C-alpha atoms as a PDB file:
ATOM      1  CA  MET A   1      92.495  61.440 143.235  1.00  0.00           C
ATOM      2  CA  GLN A   2      91.323  63.219 140.491  1.00  0.00           C
ATOM      3  CA  HIS A   3      92.690  61.859 136.912  1.00  0.00           C
ATOM      4  CA  THR A   4      94.740  64.005 135.325  1.00  0.00           C
ATOM      5  CA  ILE A   5      94.420  65.126 131.647  1.00  0.00           C
ATOM      6  CA  SER A   6      97.827  63.010 130.724  1.00  0.00           C
ATOM      7  CA  GLU A   7     100.209  64.569 127.102  1.00  0.00           C
ATOM      8  CA  ASP A   8      99.029  61.325 125.320  1.00  0.00           C
ATOM      9  CA  ALA A   9      95.415  62.305 125.030  1.00  0.00           C
ATOM     10  CA  ALA A  10      96.356  66.201 125.403  1.00  0.00           C
ATOM     11  CA  ALA A  11      97.968  65.918 121.764  1.00  0.00           C
ATOM     12  CA  ASN A  12      96.670  66.506 118.179  1.00  0.00           C
ATOM     13  CA  GLY A  13     100.157  67.217 117.000  1.00  0.00           C
ATOM     14  CA  GLU A  14     102.701  69.527 118.381  1.00  0.00           C
ATOM     15  CA  GLY A  15     103.398  73.174 118.129  1.00  0.00           C
ATOM     16  CA  ARG A  16     106.770  74.503 118.441  1.00  0.00           C
ATOM     17  CA  PRO A  17     108.228  75.365 121.700  1.00  0.00           C
ATOM     18  CA  ASP A  18     108.201  79.778 122.584  1.00  0.00           C
ATOM     19  CA  PRO A  19     109.815  80.929 125.269  1.00  0.00           C
ATOM     20  CA  ALA A  20     106.732  83.818 125.234  1.00  0.00           C
ATOM     21  CA  ASP A  21     104.162  81.566 125.610  1.00  0.00           C
ATOM     22  CA  SER A  22     105.575  79.652 128.481  1.00  0.00           C
ATOM     23  CA  GLY A  23     104.009  81.806 131.257  1.00  0.00           C
ATOM     24  CA  GLN A  24     107.428  81.824 133.112  1.00  0.00           C
ATOM     25  CA  PRO A  25     110.467  83.117 132.362  1.00  0.00           C
ATOM     26  CA  ALA A  26     112.700  80.896 131.269  1.00  0.00           C
ATOM     27  CA  ARG A  27     115.318  79.160 133.770  1.00  0.00           C
ATOM     28  CA  ALA A  28     119.166  78.950 132.762  1.00  0.00           C
ATOM     29  CA  ALA A  29     121.868  78.182 134.910  1.00  0.00           C
ATOM     30  CA  THR A  30     121.109  81.325 136.497  1.00  0.00           C
ATOM     31  CA  GLY A  31     118.306  80.220 138.534  1.00  0.00           C
ATOM     32  CA  ARG A  32     115.298  80.483 136.643  1.00  0.00           C
ATOM     33  CA  ALA A  33     112.375  78.327 135.824  1.00  0.00           C
ATOM     34  CA  PRO A  34     112.734  75.297 132.806  1.00  0.00           C
ATOM     35  CA  ARG A  35     110.519  76.030 129.539  1.00  0.00           C
ATOM     36  CA  LEU A  36     107.841  74.126 128.789  1.00  0.00           C
ATOM     37  CA  LYS A  37     107.706  71.101 126.230  1.00  0.00           C
ATOM     38  CA  PRO A  38     105.444  71.621 123.494  1.00  0.00           C
ATOM     39  CA  GLY A  39     103.715  68.592 124.501  1.00  0.00           C
ATOM     40  CA  GLU A  40     103.517  70.118 128.633  1.00  0.00           C
ATOM     41  CA  ARG A  41     101.808  73.546 127.010  1.00  0.00           C
ATOM     42  CA  ARG A  42      99.503  71.542 125.573  1.00  0.00           C
ATOM     43  CA  VAL A  43      98.745  69.710 129.085  1.00  0.00           C
ATOM     44  CA  LEU A  44      98.573  73.125 130.788  1.00  0.00           C
ATOM     45  CA  ILE A  45      96.543  75.005 128.240  1.00  0.00           C
ATOM     46  CA  LEU A  46      93.802  72.212 128.723  1.00  0.00           C
ATOM     47  CA  GLN A  47      93.833  71.439 132.899  1.00  0.00           C
ATOM     48  CA  THR A  48      93.938  75.217 133.003  1.00  0.00           C
ATOM     49  CA  LEU A  49      90.239  75.195 131.149  1.00  0.00           C
ATOM     50  CA  ALA A  50      88.625  72.064 132.993  1.00  0.00           C
ATOM     51  CA  ALA A  51      89.661  73.699 135.606  1.00  0.00           C
ATOM     52  CA  MET A  52      88.329  76.731 134.466  1.00  0.00           C
ATOM     53  CA  LEU A  53      85.102  75.038 133.938  1.00  0.00           C
ATOM     54  CA  GLU A  54      85.069  74.106 137.717  1.00  0.00           C
ATOM     55  CA  ALA A  55      83.494  76.831 138.364  1.00  0.00           C
ATOM     56  CA  PRO A  56      79.992  76.970 140.084  1.00  0.00           C
ATOM     57  CA  LYS A  57      78.407  79.673 137.768  1.00  0.00           C
ATOM     58  CA  SER A  58      78.221  77.993 134.090  1.00  0.00           C
ATOM     59  CA  GLU A  59      79.696  81.065 132.278  1.00  0.00           C
ATOM     60  CA  LYS A  60      80.938  80.878 128.754  1.00  0.00           C
ATOM     61  CA  ILE A  61      84.991  80.693 129.021  1.00  0.00           C
ATOM     62  CA  THR A  62      86.602  82.775 126.002  1.00  0.00           C
ATOM     63  CA  THR A  63      90.886  82.391 125.114  1.00  0.00           C
ATOM     64  CA  ALA A  64      91.146  85.525 126.353  1.00  0.00           C
ATOM     65  CA  ALA A  65      90.000  84.658 130.083  1.00  0.00           C
ATOM     66  CA  LEU A  66      91.694  81.026 129.088  1.00  0.00           C
ATOM     67  CA  ALA A  67      94.649  83.475 128.162  1.00  0.00           C
ATOM     68  CA  ALA A  68      94.650  85.725 130.727  1.00  0.00           C
ATOM     69  CA  ARG A  69      94.621  82.653 133.514  1.00  0.00           C
ATOM     70  CA  LEU A  70      97.591  81.778 131.502  1.00  0.00           C
ATOM     71  CA  SER A  71      99.471  84.301 131.732  1.00  0.00           C
ATOM     72  CA  VAL A  72     100.216  84.315 127.421  1.00  0.00           C
ATOM     73  CA  SER A  73      98.699  86.015 124.898  1.00  0.00           C
ATOM     74  CA  GLU A  74      95.889  84.711 122.794  1.00  0.00           C
ATOM     75  CA  ALA A  75      97.763  84.383 120.108  1.00  0.00           C
ATOM     76  CA  ALA A  76      99.937  81.935 122.173  1.00  0.00           C
ATOM     77  CA  LEU A  77      97.462  79.688 122.535  1.00  0.00           C
ATOM     78  CA  TYR A  78      96.588  79.003 119.283  1.00  0.00           C
ATOM     79  CA  ARG A  79     100.360  77.887 118.105  1.00  0.00           C
ATOM     80  CA  HIS A  80      99.009  74.805 119.873  1.00  0.00           C
ATOM     81  CA  PHE A  81      95.902  74.543 119.081  1.00  0.00           C
ATOM     82  CA  ALA A  82      94.148  75.601 116.058  1.00  0.00           C
ATOM     83  CA  SER A  83      90.753  76.499 117.575  1.00  0.00           C
ATOM     84  CA  LYS A  84      88.907  76.760 120.875  1.00  0.00           C
ATOM     85  CA  ALA A  85      86.850  73.582 119.549  1.00  0.00           C
ATOM     86  CA  GLN A  86      90.032  71.714 119.296  1.00  0.00           C
ATOM     87  CA  MET A  87      90.942  72.644 123.405  1.00  0.00           C
ATOM     88  CA  PHE A  88      87.490  70.855 124.007  1.00  0.00           C
ATOM     89  CA  GLU A  89      88.556  67.775 121.744  1.00  0.00           C
ATOM     90  CA  GLY A  90      91.148  67.268 124.175  1.00  0.00           C
ATOM     91  CA  LEU A  91      88.786  67.576 127.304  1.00  0.00           C
ATOM     92  CA  ILE A  92      87.178  65.326 125.175  1.00  0.00           C
ATOM     93  CA  GLU A  93      89.689  62.727 124.192  1.00  0.00           C
ATOM     94  CA  PHE A  94      91.055  62.471 127.949  1.00  0.00           C
ATOM     95  CA  ILE A  95      87.230  61.844 129.125  1.00  0.00           C
ATOM     96  CA  GLU A  96      87.128  59.187 126.299  1.00  0.00           C
ATOM     97  CA  GLN A  97      90.856  57.363 127.176  1.00  0.00           C
ATOM     98  CA  THR A  98      89.087  57.052 131.239  1.00  0.00           C
ATOM     99  CA  VAL A  99      86.193  56.301 130.837  1.00  0.00           C
ATOM    100  CA  PHE A 100      86.672  53.656 128.294  1.00  0.00           C
ATOM    101  CA  GLY A 101      90.364  52.065 129.416  1.00  0.00           C
ATOM    102  CA  LEU A 102      87.898  52.134 133.136  1.00  0.00           C
ATOM    103  CA  ILE A 103      85.269  49.912 131.053  1.00  0.00           C
ATOM    104  CA  ASN A 104      88.099  47.606 130.445  1.00  0.00           C
ATOM    105  CA  GLN A 105      89.553  47.145 132.947  1.00  0.00           C
ATOM    106  CA  ILE A 106      86.277  46.144 134.414  1.00  0.00           C
ATOM    107  CA  THR A 107      84.759  43.835 132.030  1.00  0.00           C
ATOM    108  CA  GLY A 108      88.054  41.917 132.214  1.00  0.00           C
ATOM    109  CA  LYS A 109      87.843  41.046 135.645  1.00  0.00           C
ATOM    110  CA  GLU A 110      84.883  40.826 136.477  1.00  0.00           C
ATOM    111  CA  ASP A 111      81.985  38.375 134.552  1.00  0.00           C
ATOM    112  CA  ASN A 112      78.827  38.373 135.949  1.00  0.00           C
ATOM    113  CA  GLY A 113      76.832  41.281 133.744  1.00  0.00           C
ATOM    114  CA  ILE A 114      75.405  42.676 136.682  1.00  0.00           C
ATOM    115  CA  LEU A 115      77.813  42.983 138.485  1.00  0.00           C
ATOM    116  CA  GLN A 116      79.985  44.298 135.441  1.00  0.00           C
ATOM    117  CA  VAL A 117      77.616  47.315 135.312  1.00  0.00           C
ATOM    118  CA  ARG A 118      77.125  47.960 139.010  1.00  0.00           C
ATOM    119  CA  ALA A 119      81.169  48.837 138.501  1.00  0.00           C
ATOM    120  CA  ILE A 120      80.582  51.016 135.731  1.00  0.00           C
ATOM    121  CA  VAL A 121      77.865  53.240 137.020  1.00  0.00           C
ATOM    122  CA  THR A 122      79.795  53.832 140.216  1.00  0.00           C
ATOM    123  CA  MET A 123      82.835  54.152 138.748  1.00  0.00           C
ATOM    124  CA  LEU A 124      81.485  57.320 136.116  1.00  0.00           C
ATOM    125  CA  LEU A 125      79.235  58.867 138.147  1.00  0.00           C
ATOM    126  CA  GLY A 126      83.398  58.726 140.614  1.00  0.00           C
ATOM    127  CA  PHE A 127      84.510  59.967 137.458  1.00  0.00           C
ATOM    128  CA  ALA A 128      82.466  63.048 137.910  1.00  0.00           C
ATOM    129  CA  GLU A 129      82.681  63.737 141.453  1.00  0.00           C
ATOM    130  CA  LYS A 130      86.835  63.782 141.232  1.00  0.00           C
ATOM    131  CA  ASN A 131      86.301  65.940 137.581  1.00  0.00           C
ATOM    132  CA  PRO A 132      83.354  68.515 137.965  1.00  0.00           C
ATOM    133  CA  GLY A 133      85.289  70.692 134.431  1.00  0.00           C
ATOM    134  CA  MET A 134      85.180  67.654 132.769  1.00  0.00           C
ATOM    135  CA  THR A 135      80.604  66.444 134.229  1.00  0.00           C
ATOM    136  CA  ARG A 136      79.774  70.226 131.870  1.00  0.00           C
ATOM    137  CA  VAL A 137      81.589  69.035 129.054  1.00  0.00           C
ATOM    138  CA  LEU A 138      79.741  65.709 129.204  1.00  0.00           C
ATOM    139  CA  THR A 139      76.119  67.429 129.753  1.00  0.00           C
ATOM    140  CA  GLY A 140      77.094  69.794 127.187  1.00  0.00           C
ATOM    141  CA  GLU A 141      76.471  72.519 129.048  1.00  0.00           C
ATOM    142  CA  ALA A 142      80.228  72.985 128.643  1.00  0.00           C
ATOM    143  CA  LEU A 143      79.673  73.239 124.788  1.00  0.00           C
ATOM    144  CA  VAL A 144      77.072  75.961 124.164  1.00  0.00           C
ATOM    145  CA  GLY A 145      77.432  77.487 121.017  1.00  0.00           C
ATOM    146  CA  GLU A 146      80.883  75.515 120.619  1.00  0.00           C
ATOM    147  CA  HIS A 147      81.268  73.959 117.199  1.00  0.00           C
ATOM    148  CA  GLU A 148      78.442  71.741 116.217  1.00  0.00           C
ATOM    149  CA  ARG A 149      81.436  68.549 116.138  1.00  0.00           C
ATOM    150  CA  LEU A 150      81.627  68.046 119.655  1.00  0.00           C
ATOM    151  CA  ASN A 151      78.485  67.786 120.336  1.00  0.00           C
ATOM    152  CA  GLU A 152      77.958  65.594 118.433  1.00  0.00           C
ATOM    153  CA  ARG A 153      81.238  63.803 119.624  1.00  0.00           C
ATOM    154  CA  ILE A 154      80.108  64.368 123.203  1.00  0.00           C
ATOM    155  CA  ASN A 155      76.773  62.398 122.416  1.00  0.00           C
ATOM    156  CA  GLN A 156      78.495  59.834 120.572  1.00  0.00           C
ATOM    157  CA  THR A 157      80.158  59.013 123.743  1.00  0.00           C
ATOM    158  CA  ILE A 158      77.259  58.755 125.513  1.00  0.00           C
ATOM    159  CA  ASP A 159      75.932  56.293 122.438  1.00  0.00           C
ATOM    160  CA  ARG A 160      79.058  53.851 123.295  1.00  0.00           C
ATOM    161  CA  ILE A 161      78.994  53.881 126.605  1.00  0.00           C
ATOM    162  CA  GLU A 162      75.539  53.055 126.710  1.00  0.00           C
ATOM    163  CA  ALA A 163      76.802  50.610 124.272  1.00  0.00           C
ATOM    164  CA  SER A 164      78.640  48.656 126.180  1.00  0.00           C
ATOM    165  CA  LEU A 165      76.448  48.819 129.483  1.00  0.00           C
ATOM    166  CA  ARG A 166      74.025  47.227 127.738  1.00  0.00           C
ATOM    167  CA  GLN A 167      76.483  44.362 126.055  1.00  0.00           C
ATOM    168  CA  CYS A 168      76.861  43.924 130.055  1.00  0.00           C
ATOM    169  CA  LEU A 169      73.398  42.963 130.460  1.00  0.00           C
ATOM    170  CA  LYS A 170      72.927  40.472 127.978  1.00  0.00           C
ATOM    171  CA  VAL A 171      75.956  38.493 129.446  1.00  0.00           C
ATOM    172  CA  ALA A 172      73.797  38.657 132.270  1.00  0.00           C
ATOM    173  CA  VAL A 173      70.881  37.637 130.506  1.00  0.00           C
ATOM    174  CA  SER A 174      72.595  34.444 128.928  1.00  0.00           C
ATOM    175  CA  SER A 175      75.293  33.526 131.950  1.00  0.00           C
ATOM    176  CA  LYS A 176      71.993  33.447 134.082  1.00  0.00           C
ATOM    177  CA  ASP A 177      74.593  34.264 137.171  1.00  0.00           C
ATOM    178  CA  VAL A 178      71.606  36.401 138.634  1.00  0.00           C
ATOM    179  CA  PRO A 179      68.341  35.749 138.662  1.00  0.00           C
ATOM    180  CA  LEU A 180      65.939  37.775 136.139  1.00  0.00           C
ATOM    181  CA  PRO A 181      62.752  38.329 135.100  1.00  0.00           C
ATOM    182  CA  PRO A 182      61.978  36.109 131.462  1.00  0.00           C
ATOM    183  CA  ASP A 183      61.434  39.615 129.874  1.00  0.00           C
ATOM    184  CA  TYR A 184      64.169  41.406 130.990  1.00  0.00           C
ATOM    185  CA  ASP A 185      65.229  43.232 128.209  1.00  0.00           C
ATOM    186  CA  PRO A 186      69.078  44.585 128.287  1.00  0.00           C
ATOM    187  CA  ALA A 187      68.530  47.495 125.583  1.00  0.00           C
ATOM    188  CA  GLN A 188      66.236  48.505 127.992  1.00  0.00           C
ATOM    189  CA  ARG A 189      67.818  48.435 131.183  1.00  0.00           C
ATOM    190  CA  ALA A 190      70.413  50.057 129.764  1.00  0.00           C
ATOM    191  CA  ASN A 191      68.610  52.840 129.208  1.00  0.00           C
ATOM    192  CA  LEU A 192      67.159  53.034 132.395  1.00  0.00           C
ATOM    193  CA  VAL A 193      70.850  52.490 132.825  1.00  0.00           C
ATOM    194  CA  ILE A 194      72.177  55.454 131.831  1.00  0.00           C
ATOM    195  CA  SER A 195      69.360  57.937 131.824  1.00  0.00           C
ATOM    196  CA  PHE A 196      70.111  58.019 135.826  1.00  0.00           C
ATOM    197  CA  VAL A 197      73.294  58.800 135.300  1.00  0.00           C
ATOM    198  CA  LEU A 198      73.119  61.519 132.712  1.00  0.00           C
ATOM    199  CA  GLY A 199      70.808  62.878 134.956  1.00  0.00           C
ATOM    200  CA  ARG A 200      72.975  62.659 137.870  1.00  0.00           C
ATOM    201  CA  TRP A 201      75.774  64.138 136.002  1.00  0.00           C
ATOM    202  CA  GLN A 202      73.366  66.850 135.259  1.00  0.00           C
ATOM    203  CA  ARG A 203      72.781  67.745 139.085  1.00  0.00           C
ATOM    204  CA  TYR A 204      76.114  67.945 140.108  1.00  0.00           C
ATOM    205  CA  ALA A 205      76.404  70.487 137.579  1.00  0.00           C
ATOM    206  CA  LYS A 206      73.919  72.729 137.687  1.00  0.00           C
ATOM    207  CA  THR A 207      73.824  73.157 141.813  1.00  0.00           C
ATOM    208  CA  GLY A 208      76.958  73.727 141.402  1.00  0.00           C
ATOM    209  CA  PHE A 209      78.515  70.546 142.308  1.00  0.00           C
ATOM    210  CA  THR A 210      76.965  70.380 145.783  1.00  0.00           C
ATOM    211  CA  LYS A 211      74.664  67.751 145.074  1.00  0.00           C
ATOM    212  CA  LEU A 212      77.761  65.002 144.592  1.00  0.00           C
ATOM    213  CA  PRO A 213      76.155  62.124 141.544  1.00  0.00           C
ATOM    214  CA  GLY A 214      77.303  59.390 143.384  1.00  0.00           C
ATOM    215  CA  GLU A 215      74.308  59.818 146.863  1.00  0.00           C
ATOM    216  CA  GLN A 216      72.869  56.398 147.810  1.00  0.00           C
ATOM    217  CA  ALA A 217      72.934  55.527 144.137  1.00  0.00           C
ATOM    218  CA  ASP A 218      74.143  52.269 144.833  1.00  0.00           C
ATOM    219  CA  ALA A 219      70.332  51.397 146.634  1.00  0.00           C
ATOM    220  CA  MET A 220      69.078  53.117 143.142  1.00  0.00           C
ATOM    221  CA  ILE A 221      71.322  50.573 140.780  1.00  0.00           C
ATOM    222  CA  ARG A 222      69.999  47.414 143.269  1.00  0.00           C
ATOM    223  CA  ILE A 223      66.045  49.202 142.383  1.00  0.00           C
ATOM    224  CA  MET A 224      67.496  49.580 138.215  1.00  0.00           C
ATOM    225  CA  LEU A 225      68.901  45.966 137.998  1.00  0.00           C
ATOM    226  CA  ASN A 226      66.622  43.907 139.475  1.00  0.00           C
END
C-alpha cells in the first residue's frame, strides 16, 4: 500500500477555510459536497503535488499547473502555503517522518546489526517503489531550480539515513553475532550501502519508474555487507 501524506506531515501552520478554494461546491442540506477543513486542504495540495511528480517526464512543476490540477487559483494555494518551497518542505517532512519512523521500528524489533541494515535497505527501496514522486524529491531531481534550502535539507536527510546505517553496522561489529573481517569498517560499509540506495533511486526516476529499485537487491545487499 502506498504511504499516505498525513495531516501532521502537512502542517506548517493552518490557513483559514475558504469556500472559494475548496475545489468542490460546498455541500449543505441540499446534498452538495462538504467543505474541506484547512488541514485537509493542505494535505490535498501535497498529495496532488506528489502525484504530479509521478509523471514519467520530469518537467518542472509550476504553481499554476498545480492550481489547475486542483481547480483553484494560485492565490488559493498561497492561503495554505507561503511558497512552493514550503510545499516541498511538506513532502520532505513526510519522507522524514515515514522513513525514520520505520527505521526506529526495525532497530527496535531486530537486535542483529546486519539484519537491521538489510531490512532498512529493503524498506528504503520499497518506499521509493511505492512513492515514485517522493523518489524524485529524494534524488533532488524535483528540487532543481527550487530554493537552495530544499537541497540542503534533503542532503541532511540522506546523511541521517547513512548515520543510522553506520550505527547498525557498529552494533554488528561490537556484538559479533555475525562473523565479520577484522578490518570491517562500519563507516565505509554504510557509505557503500547508501550509495547503492541512491543509485537505485536515481535509476528508478531516470527510467520513468520502469526499472524497479528492488530488482535483485537482496543478493547485492549480501555482497555489500559481507
